[in-house]
């Protein structure tokens, strides 16, 4: 998947994760970073636990869902580490 696709999927996933996990987002660039890291985390979790071959394959619903789940997990971990309420 190209870098532009990662950024677009990351933006969508980070924005959605910011809406679901209350407490404010991290700004536009922060949401992209959280979404891209969430996509990596979600892709790893999906391939490890669900045995999916390539869970993040481009700009499609499956990739956005996988990145979103990873971004939510990443935001929760960030807030646990930093002490902010979830």
C-alpha atoms as a PDB file:
ATOM      1  CA  UNK A   1       0.000   0.000   0.000  1.00  0.00           C
ATOM      2  CA  UNK A   2       1.386   3.396  -0.946  1.00  0.00           C
ATOM      3  CA  UNK A   3       2.232   6.134   1.510  1.00  0.00           C
ATOM      4  CA  UNK A   4      -0.687   8.262   0.302  1.00  0.00           C
ATOM      5  CA  UNK A   5      -3.083   5.389   1.002  1.00  0.00           C
ATOM      6  CA  UNK A   6      -1.600   4.959   4.492  1.00  0.00           C
ATOM      7  CA  UNK A   7      -2.090   8.671   5.181  1.00  0.00           C
ATOM      8  CA  UNK A   8      -5.698   8.671   3.942  1.00  0.00           C
ATOM      9  CA  UNK A   9      -6.624   5.490   5.849  1.00  0.00           C
ATOM     10  CA  UNK A  10      -4.726   6.826   8.886  1.00  0.00           C
ATOM     11  CA  UNK A  11      -6.583  10.132   8.753  1.00  0.00           C
ATOM     12  CA  UNK A  12      -9.952   8.396   8.597  1.00  0.00           C
ATOM     13  CA  UNK A  13      -9.068   5.857  11.306  1.00  0.00           C
ATOM     14  CA  UNK A  14      -7.508   8.479  13.606  1.00  0.00           C
ATOM     15  CA  UNK A  15     -10.475  10.806  13.205  1.00  0.00           C
ATOM     16  CA  UNK A  16     -12.945   7.992  13.940  1.00  0.00           C
ATOM     17  CA  UNK A  17     -10.898   6.849  16.946  1.00  0.00           C
ATOM     18  CA  UNK A  18     -10.883  10.430  18.254  1.00  0.00           C
ATOM     19  CA  UNK A  19     -14.677  10.497  18.009  1.00  0.00           C
ATOM     20  CA  UNK A  20     -15.170   7.136  19.711  1.00  0.00           C
ATOM     21  CA  UNK A  21     -12.623   7.531  22.503  1.00  0.00           C
ATOM     22  CA  UNK A  22     -13.758  10.680  24.261  1.00  0.00           C
ATOM     23  CA  UNK A  23     -11.414  13.306  25.635  1.00  0.00           C
ATOM     24  CA  UNK A  24     -10.396  15.286  22.572  1.00  0.00           C
ATOM     25  CA  UNK A  25      -8.284  14.426  19.605  1.00  0.00           C
ATOM     26  CA  UNK A  26      -4.642  15.099  18.867  1.00  0.00           C
ATOM     27  CA  UNK A  27      -5.147  17.591  16.045  1.00  0.00           C
ATOM     28  CA  UNK A  28      -5.026  16.842  12.330  1.00  0.00           C
ATOM     29  CA  UNK A  29      -1.400  15.704  12.178  1.00  0.00           C
ATOM     30  CA  UNK A  30      -1.729  13.829  15.486  1.00  0.00           C
ATOM     31  CA  UNK A  31      -4.817  12.011  14.250  1.00  0.00           C
ATOM     32  CA  UNK A  32      -2.970  10.972  11.087  1.00  0.00           C
ATOM     33  CA  UNK A  33      -0.036   9.672  13.127  1.00  0.00           C
ATOM     34  CA  UNK A  34      -2.357   7.848  15.546  1.00  0.00           C
ATOM     35  CA  UNK A  35      -4.282   6.388  12.605  1.00  0.00           C
ATOM     36  CA  UNK A  36      -1.161   5.203  10.762  1.00  0.00           C
ATOM     37  CA  UNK A  37       0.287   3.643  13.924  1.00  0.00           C
ATOM     38  CA  UNK A  38      -3.162   2.201  14.629  1.00  0.00           C
ATOM     39  CA  UNK A  39      -3.227   0.744  11.133  1.00  0.00           C
ATOM     40  CA  UNK A  40       0.104  -0.940  11.761  1.00  0.00           C
ATOM     41  CA  UNK A  41      -1.049  -2.186  15.163  1.00  0.00           C
ATOM     42  CA  UNK A  42      -4.438  -3.292  13.841  1.00  0.00           C
ATOM     43  CA  UNK A  43      -2.824  -5.005  10.854  1.00  0.00           C
ATOM     44  CA  UNK A  44      -0.431  -6.886  13.104  1.00  0.00           C
ATOM     45  CA  UNK A  45      -3.228  -7.896  15.518  1.00  0.00           C
ATOM     46  CA  UNK A  46      -5.507  -9.012  12.668  1.00  0.00           C
ATOM     47  CA  UNK A  47      -2.796 -11.065  11.010  1.00  0.00           C
ATOM     48  CA  UNK A  48      -1.622 -12.596  14.299  1.00  0.00           C
ATOM     49  CA  UNK A  49      -4.959 -13.362  15.974  1.00  0.00           C
ATOM     50  CA  UNK A  50      -7.344 -13.650  13.005  1.00  0.00           C
ATOM     51  CA  UNK A  51      -4.776 -15.136  10.592  1.00  0.00           C
ATOM     52  CA  UNK A  52      -5.616 -12.606   7.869  1.00  0.00           C
ATOM     53  CA  UNK A  53      -3.064 -12.594   5.053  1.00  0.00           C
ATOM     54  CA  UNK A  54      -2.850  -8.838   4.387  1.00  0.00           C
ATOM     55  CA  UNK A  55      -5.486  -7.012   6.471  1.00  0.00           C
ATOM     56  CA  UNK A  56      -4.597  -3.459   5.349  1.00  0.00           C
ATOM     57  CA  UNK A  57      -4.596  -3.503   1.541  1.00  0.00           C
ATOM     58  CA  UNK A  58      -5.631  -0.039   0.401  1.00  0.00           C
ATOM     59  CA  UNK A  59      -8.429   2.456   0.782  1.00  0.00           C
ATOM     60  CA  UNK A  60     -11.352   0.129   1.455  1.00  0.00           C
ATOM     61  CA  UNK A  61     -13.746  -0.692   4.286  1.00  0.00           C
ATOM     62  CA  UNK A  62     -11.714  -3.627   5.616  1.00  0.00           C
ATOM     63  CA  UNK A  63      -8.546  -1.538   5.864  1.00  0.00           C
ATOM     64  CA  UNK A  64     -10.357   1.329   7.562  1.00  0.00           C
ATOM     65  CA  UNK A  65     -11.963  -1.025  10.107  1.00  0.00           C
ATOM     66  CA  UNK A  66      -8.641  -2.729  10.883  1.00  0.00           C
ATOM     67  CA  UNK A  67      -6.862   0.632  11.205  1.00  0.00           C
ATOM     68  CA  UNK A  68      -9.724   2.040  13.289  1.00  0.00           C
ATOM     69  CA  UNK A  69      -9.606  -0.834  15.786  1.00  0.00           C
ATOM     70  CA  UNK A  70      -5.835  -0.484  16.022  1.00  0.00           C
ATOM     71  CA  UNK A  71      -6.129   3.295  16.458  1.00  0.00           C
ATOM     72  CA  UNK A  72      -8.686   2.915  19.257  1.00  0.00           C
ATOM     73  CA  UNK A  73      -6.397   0.449  21.044  1.00  0.00           C
ATOM     74  CA  UNK A  74      -3.443   2.797  20.505  1.00  0.00           C
ATOM     75  CA  UNK A  75      -5.343   5.852  21.832  1.00  0.00           C
ATOM     76  CA  UNK A  76      -6.445   3.910  24.916  1.00  0.00           C
ATOM     77  CA  UNK A  77      -2.836   2.812  25.522  1.00  0.00           C
ATOM     78  CA  UNK A  78      -1.586   6.388  25.050  1.00  0.00           C
ATOM     79  CA  UNK A  79      -4.093   7.707  27.541  1.00  0.00           C
ATOM     80  CA  UNK A  80      -3.290   4.975  30.059  1.00  0.00           C
ATOM     81  CA  UNK A  81       0.412   5.809  29.808  1.00  0.00           C
ATOM     82  CA  UNK A  82      -0.064   9.580  29.955  1.00  0.00           C
ATOM     83  CA  UNK A  83      -2.660   9.414  32.744  1.00  0.00           C
ATOM     84  CA  UNK A  84      -5.466  11.080  30.754  1.00  0.00           C
ATOM     85  CA  UNK A  85      -8.950   9.708  31.282  1.00  0.00           C
ATOM     86  CA  UNK A  86     -10.394   7.411  28.637  1.00  0.00           C
END
